[in-house]
PDB file of N, CA and C in Angstrom:
ATOM      1  N   UNK A   1       0.844  -1.167   0.000  1.00  0.00           N
ATOM      2  CA  UNK A   1       0.000   0.000   0.000  1.00  0.00           C
ATOM      3  C   UNK A   1       0.895   1.238   0.000  1.00  0.00           C
ATOM      4  N   UNK A   2       0.469   2.248  -0.713  1.00  0.00           N
ATOM      5  CA  UNK A   2       1.210   3.501  -0.785  1.00  0.00           C
ATOM      6  C   UNK A   2       0.826   4.431   0.354  1.00  0.00           C
ATOM      7  N   UNK A   3       1.823   5.120   0.858  1.00  0.00           N
ATOM      8  CA  UNK A   3       1.616   6.120   1.902  1.00  0.00           C
ATOM      9  C   UNK A   3       2.357   7.392   1.526  1.00  0.00           C
ATOM     10  N   UNK A   4       1.840   8.508   1.986  1.00  0.00           N
ATOM     11  CA  UNK A   4       2.502   9.789   1.834  1.00  0.00           C
ATOM     12  C   UNK A   4       2.808  10.326   3.229  1.00  0.00           C
ATOM     13  N   UNK A   5       4.003  10.879   3.392  1.00  0.00           N
ATOM     14  CA  UNK A   5       4.342  11.494   4.674  1.00  0.00           C
ATOM     15  C   UNK A   5       3.604  12.827   4.746  1.00  0.00           C
ATOM     16  N   UNK A   6       2.636  12.909   5.617  1.00  0.00           N
ATOM     17  CA  UNK A   6       1.827  14.111   5.756  1.00  0.00           C
ATOM     18  C   UNK A   6       2.540  15.153   6.605  1.00  0.00           C
ATOM     19  N   UNK A   7       3.069  14.715   7.737  1.00  0.00           N
ATOM     20  CA  UNK A   7       3.758  15.652   8.625  1.00  0.00           C
ATOM     21  C   UNK A   7       4.645  14.872   9.594  1.00  0.00           C
ATOM     22  N   UNK A   8       5.602  15.608  10.138  1.00  0.00           N
ATOM     23  CA  UNK A   8       6.503  15.052  11.135  1.00  0.00           C
ATOM     24  C   UNK A   8       6.464  16.006  12.322  1.00  0.00           C
ATOM     25  N   UNK A   9       6.082  15.473  13.479  1.00  0.00           N
ATOM     26  CA  UNK A   9       5.989  16.324  14.662  1.00  0.00           C
ATOM     27  C   UNK A   9       6.246  15.503  15.917  1.00  0.00           C
ATOM     28  N   UNK A  10       6.938  16.121  16.853  1.00  0.00           N
ATOM     29  CA  UNK A  10       7.220  15.481  18.149  1.00  0.00           C
ATOM     30  C   UNK A  10       7.824  14.090  18.012  1.00  0.00           C
ATOM     31  N   UNK A  11       8.717  13.918  17.039  1.00  0.00           N
ATOM     32  CA  UNK A  11       9.378  12.632  16.877  1.00  0.00           C
ATOM     33  C   UNK A  11       8.527  11.555  16.244  1.00  0.00           C
ATOM     34  N   UNK A  12       7.395  11.939  15.680  1.00  0.00           N
ATOM     35  CA  UNK A  12       6.502  10.975  15.033  1.00  0.00           C
ATOM     36  C   UNK A  12       6.217  11.422  13.600  1.00  0.00           C
ATOM     37  N   UNK A  13       6.089  10.458  12.719  1.00  0.00           N
ATOM     38  CA  UNK A  13       5.737  10.716  11.331  1.00  0.00           C
ATOM     39  C   UNK A  13       4.299  10.262  11.113  1.00  0.00           C
ATOM     40  N   UNK A  14       3.496  11.144  10.557  1.00  0.00           N
ATOM     41  CA  UNK A  14       2.105  10.812  10.254  1.00  0.00           C
ATOM     42  C   UNK A  14       2.021  10.542   8.757  1.00  0.00           C
ATOM     43  N   UNK A  15       1.686   9.306   8.416  1.00  0.00           N
ATOM     44  CA  UNK A  15       1.537   8.902   7.026  1.00  0.00           C
ATOM     45  C   UNK A  15       0.054   8.819   6.697  1.00  0.00           C
ATOM     46  N   UNK A  16      -0.268   9.081   5.437  1.00  0.00           N
ATOM     47  CA  UNK A  16      -1.651   9.009   4.979  1.00  0.00           C
ATOM     48  C   UNK A  16      -1.689   8.097   3.759  1.00  0.00           C
ATOM     49  N   UNK A  17      -2.635   7.153   3.748  1.00  0.00           N
ATOM     50  CA  UNK A  17      -2.738   6.261   2.588  1.00  0.00           C
ATOM     51  C   UNK A  17      -3.680   6.862   1.546  1.00  0.00           C
ATOM     52  N   UNK A  18      -3.934   6.135   0.485  1.00  0.00           N
ATOM     53  CA  UNK A  18      -4.757   6.637  -0.626  1.00  0.00           C
ATOM     54  C   UNK A  18      -6.215   6.883  -0.203  1.00  0.00           C
ATOM     55  N   UNK A  19      -6.648   6.260   0.880  1.00  0.00           N
ATOM     56  CA  UNK A  19      -8.005   6.447   1.385  1.00  0.00           C
ATOM     57  C   UNK A  19      -8.047   7.477   2.507  1.00  0.00           C
ATOM     58  N   UNK A  20      -6.917   8.188   2.702  1.00  0.00           N
ATOM     59  CA  UNK A  20      -6.762   9.229   3.706  1.00  0.00           C
ATOM     60  C   UNK A  20      -6.813   8.715   5.150  1.00  0.00           C
ATOM     61  N   UNK A  21      -6.484   7.447   5.333  1.00  0.00           N
ATOM     62  CA  UNK A  21      -6.361   6.892   6.679  1.00  0.00           C
ATOM     63  C   UNK A  21      -4.952   7.177   7.175  1.00  0.00           C
ATOM     64  N   UNK A  22      -4.848   7.591   8.430  1.00  0.00           N
ATOM     65  CA  UNK A  22      -3.559   7.949   8.999  1.00  0.00           C
ATOM     66  C   UNK A  22      -2.879   6.766   9.686  1.00  0.00           C
ATOM     67  N   UNK A  23      -1.568   6.775   9.607  1.00  0.00           N
ATOM     68  CA  UNK A  23      -0.732   5.793  10.283  1.00  0.00           C
ATOM     69  C   UNK A  23       0.411   6.575  10.922  1.00  0.00           C
ATOM     70  N   UNK A  24       0.627   6.383  12.214  1.00  0.00           N
ATOM     71  CA  UNK A  24       1.669   7.116  12.930  1.00  0.00           C
ATOM     72  C   UNK A  24       2.829   6.175  13.225  1.00  0.00           C
ATOM     73  N   UNK A  25       4.027   6.613  12.854  1.00  0.00           N
ATOM     74  CA  UNK A  25       5.253   5.838  13.067  1.00  0.00           C
ATOM     75  C   UNK A  25       6.273   6.702  13.798  1.00  0.00           C
ATOM     76  N   UNK A  26       7.211   6.080  14.489  1.00  0.00           N
ATOM     77  CA  UNK A  26       8.336   6.862  15.005  1.00  0.00           C
ATOM     78  C   UNK A  26       9.089   7.474  13.816  1.00  0.00           C
ATOM     79  N   UNK A  27       9.503   8.713  13.940  1.00  0.00           N
ATOM     80  CA  UNK A  27      10.176   9.403  12.832  1.00  0.00           C
ATOM     81  C   UNK A  27      11.419   8.650  12.361  1.00  0.00           C
ATOM     82  N   UNK A  28      12.044   7.895  13.235  1.00  0.00           N
ATOM     83  CA  UNK A  28      13.238   7.133  12.862  1.00  0.00           C
ATOM     84  C   UNK A  28      12.936   6.108  11.774  1.00  0.00           C
ATOM     85  N   UNK A  29      11.687   5.672  11.650  1.00  0.00           N
ATOM     86  CA  UNK A  29      11.324   4.640  10.669  1.00  0.00           C
ATOM     87  C   UNK A  29      11.146   5.188   9.260  1.00  0.00           C
ATOM     88  N   UNK A  30      11.224   6.501   9.078  1.00  0.00           N
ATOM     89  CA  UNK A  30      11.109   7.043   7.720  1.00  0.00           C
ATOM     90  C   UNK A  30      12.461   7.466   7.166  1.00  0.00           C
ATOM     91  N   UNK A  31      13.521   7.307   7.955  1.00  0.00           N
ATOM     92  CA  UNK A  31      14.863   7.674   7.499  1.00  0.00           C
ATOM     93  C   UNK A  31      14.954   9.160   7.232  1.00  0.00           C
ATOM     94  N   UNK A  32      15.524   9.521   6.086  1.00  0.00           N
ATOM     95  CA  UNK A  32      15.706  10.929   5.727  1.00  0.00           C
ATOM     96  C   UNK A  32      14.575  11.471   4.856  1.00  0.00           C
ATOM     97  N   UNK A  33      13.539  10.683   4.644  1.00  0.00           N
ATOM     98  CA  UNK A  33      12.414  11.117   3.815  1.00  0.00           C
ATOM     99  C   UNK A  33      11.750  12.332   4.447  1.00  0.00           C
ATOM    100  N   UNK A  34      11.194  13.179   3.597  1.00  0.00           N
ATOM    101  CA  UNK A  34      10.575  14.422   4.051  1.00  0.00           C
ATOM    102  C   UNK A  34       9.070  14.407   3.783  1.00  0.00           C
ATOM    103  N   UNK A  35       8.403  15.396   4.322  1.00  0.00           N
ATOM    104  CA  UNK A  35       6.958  15.537   4.109  1.00  0.00           C
ATOM    105  C   UNK A  35       6.669  15.620   2.614  1.00  0.00           C
ATOM    106  N   UNK A  36       5.596  14.967   2.198  1.00  0.00           N
ATOM    107  CA  UNK A  36       5.216  14.957   0.792  1.00  0.00           C
ATOM    108  C   UNK A  36       5.796  13.797   0.005  1.00  0.00           C
ATOM    109  N   UNK A  37       6.648  12.995   0.628  1.00  0.00           N
ATOM    110  CA  UNK A  37       7.263  11.858  -0.045  1.00  0.00           C
ATOM    111  C   UNK A  37       6.318  10.657  -0.003  1.00  0.00           C
ATOM    112  N   UNK A  38       6.186   9.991  -1.146  1.00  0.00           N
ATOM    113  CA  UNK A  38       5.360   8.786  -1.251  1.00  0.00           C
ATOM    114  C   UNK A  38       6.255   7.562  -1.175  1.00  0.00           C
ATOM    115  N   UNK A  39       5.713   6.473  -0.616  1.00  0.00           N
ATOM    116  CA  UNK A  39       6.464   5.228  -0.537  1.00  0.00           C
ATOM    117  C   UNK A  39       5.638   4.110   0.060  1.00  0.00           C
ATOM    118  N   UNK A  40       6.324   3.048   0.411  1.00  0.00           N
ATOM    119  CA  UNK A  40       5.677   1.846   0.955  1.00  0.00           C
ATOM    120  C   UNK A  40       6.333   1.479   2.279  1.00  0.00           C
ATOM    121  N   UNK A  41       5.648   0.650   3.026  1.00  0.00           N
ATOM    122  CA  UNK A  41       6.208   0.133   4.270  1.00  0.00           C
ATOM    123  C   UNK A  41       6.790  -1.251   4.032  1.00  0.00           C
ATOM    124  N   UNK A  42       8.001  -1.477   4.553  1.00  0.00           N
ATOM    125  CA  UNK A  42       8.594  -2.812   4.521  1.00  0.00           C
ATOM    126  C   UNK A  42       7.922  -3.655   5.596  1.00  0.00           C
ATOM    127  N   UNK A  43       8.153  -4.956   5.547  1.00  0.00           N
ATOM    128  CA  UNK A  43       7.614  -5.828   6.589  1.00  0.00           C
ATOM    129  C   UNK A  43       8.148  -5.438   7.963  1.00  0.00           C
ATOM    130  N   UNK A  44       9.339  -4.858   7.996  1.00  0.00           N
ATOM    131  CA  UNK A  44       9.938  -4.426   9.259  1.00  0.00           C
ATOM    132  C   UNK A  44       9.255  -3.184   9.820  1.00  0.00           C
ATOM    133  N   UNK A  45       8.411  -2.536   8.990  1.00  0.00           N
ATOM    134  CA  UNK A  45       7.721  -1.327   9.423  1.00  0.00           C
ATOM    135  C   UNK A  45       8.408  -0.048   9.000  1.00  0.00           C
ATOM    136  N   UNK A  46       9.566  -0.157   8.344  1.00  0.00           N
ATOM    137  CA  UNK A  46      10.276   1.018   7.871  1.00  0.00           C
ATOM    138  C   UNK A  46       9.668   1.531   6.572  1.00  0.00           C
ATOM    139  N   UNK A  47       9.658   2.840   6.422  1.00  0.00           N
ATOM    140  CA  UNK A  47       9.138   3.496   5.228  1.00  0.00           C
ATOM    141  C   UNK A  47      10.220   3.512   4.155  1.00  0.00           C
ATOM    142  N   UNK A  48       9.860   3.082   2.941  1.00  0.00           N
ATOM    143  CA  UNK A  48      10.798   3.085   1.810  1.00  0.00           C
ATOM    144  C   UNK A  48      10.250   4.052   0.758  1.00  0.00           C
ATOM    145  N   UNK A  49      10.942   5.182   0.550  1.00  0.00           N
ATOM    146  CA  UNK A  49      10.470   6.169  -0.421  1.00  0.00           C
ATOM    147  C   UNK A  49      10.457   5.608  -1.843  1.00  0.00           C
ATOM    148  N   UNK A  50       9.482   6.041  -2.630  1.00  0.00           N
ATOM    149  CA  UNK A  50       9.400   5.706  -4.048  1.00  0.00           C
ATOM    150  C   UNK A  50       9.492   7.026  -4.806  1.00  0.00           C
ATOM    151  N   UNK A  51      10.687   7.347  -5.264  1.00  0.00           N
ATOM    152  CA  UNK A  51      10.919   8.644  -5.887  1.00  0.00           C
ATOM    153  C   UNK A  51      10.179   8.801  -7.206  1.00  0.00           C
ATOM    154  N   UNK A  52       9.981   7.721  -7.945  1.00  0.00           N
ATOM    155  CA  UNK A  52       9.260   7.805  -9.212  1.00  0.00           C
ATOM    156  C   UNK A  52       7.814   8.233  -8.966  1.00  0.00           C
ATOM    157  N   UNK A  53       7.164   7.625  -7.997  1.00  0.00           N
ATOM    158  CA  UNK A  53       5.772   7.986  -7.686  1.00  0.00           C
ATOM    159  C   UNK A  53       5.708   9.394  -7.110  1.00  0.00           C
ATOM    160  N   UNK A  54       6.641   9.727  -6.214  1.00  0.00           N
ATOM    161  CA  UNK A  54       6.663  11.060  -5.619  1.00  0.00           C
ATOM    162  C   UNK A  54       6.811  12.120  -6.704  1.00  0.00           C
ATOM    163  N   UNK A  55       7.760  11.933  -7.609  1.00  0.00           N
ATOM    164  CA  UNK A  55       7.982  12.920  -8.671  1.00  0.00           C
ATOM    165  C   UNK A  55       6.793  13.017  -9.619  1.00  0.00           C
ATOM    166  N   UNK A  56       6.179  11.881  -9.942  1.00  0.00           N
ATOM    167  CA  UNK A  56       5.018  11.893 -10.833  1.00  0.00           C
ATOM    168  C   UNK A  56       3.843  12.632 -10.189  1.00  0.00           C
ATOM    169  N   UNK A  57       3.602  12.399  -8.912  1.00  0.00           N
ATOM    170  CA  UNK A  57       2.493  13.064  -8.226  1.00  0.00           C
ATOM    171  C   UNK A  57       2.759  14.564  -8.080  1.00  0.00           C
ATOM    172  N   UNK A  58       4.006  14.927  -7.821  1.00  0.00           N
ATOM    173  CA  UNK A  58       4.345  16.352  -7.726  1.00  0.00           C
ATOM    174  C   UNK A  58       4.156  17.042  -9.067  1.00  0.00           C
ATOM    175  N   UNK A  59       4.554  16.380 -10.153  1.00  0.00           N
ATOM    176  CA  UNK A  59       4.384  16.951 -11.490  1.00  0.00           C
ATOM    177  C   UNK A  59       2.901  17.130 -11.815  1.00  0.00           C
ATOM    178  N   UNK A  60       2.089  16.150 -11.436  1.00  0.00           N
ATOM    179  CA  UNK A  60       0.650  16.234 -11.685  1.00  0.00           C
ATOM    180  C   UNK A  60       0.033  17.399 -10.910  1.00  0.00           C
ATOM    181  N   UNK A  61       0.434  17.558  -9.652  1.00  0.00           N
ATOM    182  CA  UNK A  61      -0.091  18.663  -8.842  1.00  0.00           C
ATOM    183  C   UNK A  61       0.376  20.011  -9.390  1.00  0.00           C
ATOM    184  N   UNK A  62       1.617  20.086  -9.868  1.00  0.00           N
ATOM    185  CA  UNK A  62       2.121  21.332 -10.448  1.00  0.00           C
ATOM    186  C   UNK A  62       1.349  21.678 -11.710  1.00  0.00           C
ATOM    187  N   UNK A  63       1.022  20.661 -12.498  1.00  0.00           N
ATOM    188  CA  UNK A  63       0.254  20.872 -13.716  1.00  0.00           C
ATOM    189  C   UNK A  63      -1.136  21.421 -13.392  1.00  0.00           C
ATOM    190  N   UNK A  64      -1.765  20.870 -12.358  1.00  0.00           N
ATOM    191  CA  UNK A  64      -3.086  21.354 -11.931  1.00  0.00           C
ATOM    192  C   UNK A  64      -3.002  22.801 -11.454  1.00  0.00           C
ATOM    193  N   UNK A  65      -1.977  23.099 -10.679  1.00  0.00           N
ATOM    194  CA  UNK A  65      -1.809  24.457 -10.178  1.00  0.00           C
ATOM    195  C   UNK A  65      -1.583  25.427 -11.324  1.00  0.00           C
ATOM    196  N   UNK A  66      -0.741  25.042 -12.280  1.00  0.00           N
ATOM    197  CA  UNK A  66      -0.491  25.891 -13.443  1.00  0.00           C
ATOM    198  C   UNK A  66      -1.779  26.156 -14.219  1.00  0.00           C
ATOM    199  N   UNK A  67      -2.611  25.122 -14.382  1.00  0.00           N
ATOM    200  CA  UNK A  67      -3.881  25.280 -15.101  1.00  0.00           C
ATOM    201  C   UNK A  67      -4.799  26.240 -14.360  1.00  0.00           C
ATOM    202  N   UNK A  68      -4.833  26.162 -13.037  1.00  0.00           N
ATOM    203  CA  UNK A  68      -5.674  27.074 -12.260  1.00  0.00           C
ATOM    204  C   UNK A  68      -5.183  28.511 -12.361  1.00  0.00           C
ATOM    205  N   UNK A  69      -3.887  28.692 -12.352  1.00  0.00           N
ATOM    206  CA  UNK A  69      -3.333  30.038 -12.420  1.00  0.00           C
ATOM    207  C   UNK A  69      -3.495  30.682 -13.785  1.00  0.00           C
ATOM    208  N   UNK A  70      -3.669  29.868 -14.836  1.00  0.00           N
ATOM    209  CA  UNK A  70      -3.866  30.399 -16.193  1.00  0.00           C
ATOM    210  C   UNK A  70      -5.285  30.893 -16.421  1.00  0.00           C
ATOM    211  N   UNK A  71      -6.214  30.520 -15.554  1.00  0.00           N
ATOM    212  CA  UNK A  71      -7.621  30.908 -15.757  1.00  0.00           C
ATOM    213  C   UNK A  71      -7.817  32.381 -15.619  1.00  0.00           C
TER     214      UNK A  71
END
Protein backbone atom coordinates (compact mmCIF):
# COMPACT_ATOMS: atom_id res chain seq x y z
CA UNK A 1 0.00 0.00 0.00
CA UNK A 2 1.21 3.50 -0.78
CA UNK A 3 1.62 6.12 1.90
CA UNK A 4 2.50 9.79 1.83
CA UNK A 5 4.34 11.49 4.67
CA UNK A 6 1.83 14.11 5.76
CA UNK A 7 3.76 15.65 8.62
CA UNK A 8 6.50 15.05 11.13
CA UNK A 9 5.99 16.32 14.66
CA UNK A 10 7.22 15.48 18.15
CA UNK A 11 9.38 12.63 16.88
CA UNK A 12 6.50 10.98 15.03
CA UNK A 13 5.74 10.72 11.33
CA UNK A 14 2.10 10.81 10.25
CA UNK A 15 1.54 8.90 7.03
CA UNK A 16 -1.65 9.01 4.98
CA UNK A 17 -2.74 6.26 2.59
CA UNK A 18 -4.76 6.64 -0.63
CA UNK A 19 -8.01 6.45 1.38
CA UNK A 20 -6.76 9.23 3.71
CA UNK A 21 -6.36 6.89 6.68
CA UNK A 22 -3.56 7.95 9.00
CA UNK A 23 -0.73 5.79 10.28
CA UNK A 24 1.67 7.12 12.93
CA UNK A 25 5.25 5.84 13.07
CA UNK A 26 8.34 6.86 15.01
CA UNK A 27 10.18 9.40 12.83
CA UNK A 28 13.24 7.13 12.86
CA UNK A 29 11.32 4.64 10.67
CA UNK A 30 11.11 7.04 7.72
CA UNK A 31 14.86 7.67 7.50
CA UNK A 32 15.71 10.93 5.73
CA UNK A 33 12.41 11.12 3.81
CA UNK A 34 10.57 14.42 4.05
CA UNK A 35 6.96 15.54 4.11
CA UNK A 36 5.22 14.96 0.79
CA UNK A 37 7.26 11.86 -0.05
CA UNK A 38 5.36 8.79 -1.25
CA UNK A 39 6.46 5.23 -0.54
CA UNK A 40 5.68 1.85 0.95
CA UNK A 41 6.21 0.13 4.27
CA UNK A 42 8.59 -2.81 4.52
CA UNK A 43 7.61 -5.83 6.59
CA UNK A 44 9.94 -4.43 9.26
CA UNK A 45 7.72 -1.33 9.42
CA UNK A 46 10.28 1.02 7.87
CA UNK A 47 9.14 3.50 5.23
CA UNK A 48 10.80 3.08 1.81
CA UNK A 49 10.47 6.17 -0.42
CA UNK A 50 9.40 5.71 -4.05
CA UNK A 51 10.92 8.64 -5.89
CA UNK A 52 9.26 7.81 -9.21
CA UNK A 53 5.77 7.99 -7.69
CA UNK A 54 6.66 11.06 -5.62
CA UNK A 55 7.98 12.92 -8.67
CA UNK A 56 5.02 11.89 -10.83
CA UNK A 57 2.49 13.06 -8.23
CA UNK A 58 4.35 16.35 -7.73
CA UNK A 59 4.38 16.95 -11.49
CA UNK A 60 0.65 16.23 -11.68
CA UNK A 61 -0.09 18.66 -8.84
CA UNK A 62 2.12 21.33 -10.45
CA UNK A 63 0.25 20.87 -13.72
CA UNK A 64 -3.09 21.35 -11.93
CA UNK A 65 -1.81 24.46 -10.18
CA UNK A 66 -0.49 25.89 -13.44
CA UNK A 67 -3.88 25.28 -15.10
CA UNK A 68 -5.67 27.07 -12.26
CA UNK A 69 -3.33 30.04 -12.42
CA UNK A 70 -3.87 30.40 -16.19
CA UNK A 71 -7.62 30.91 -15.76
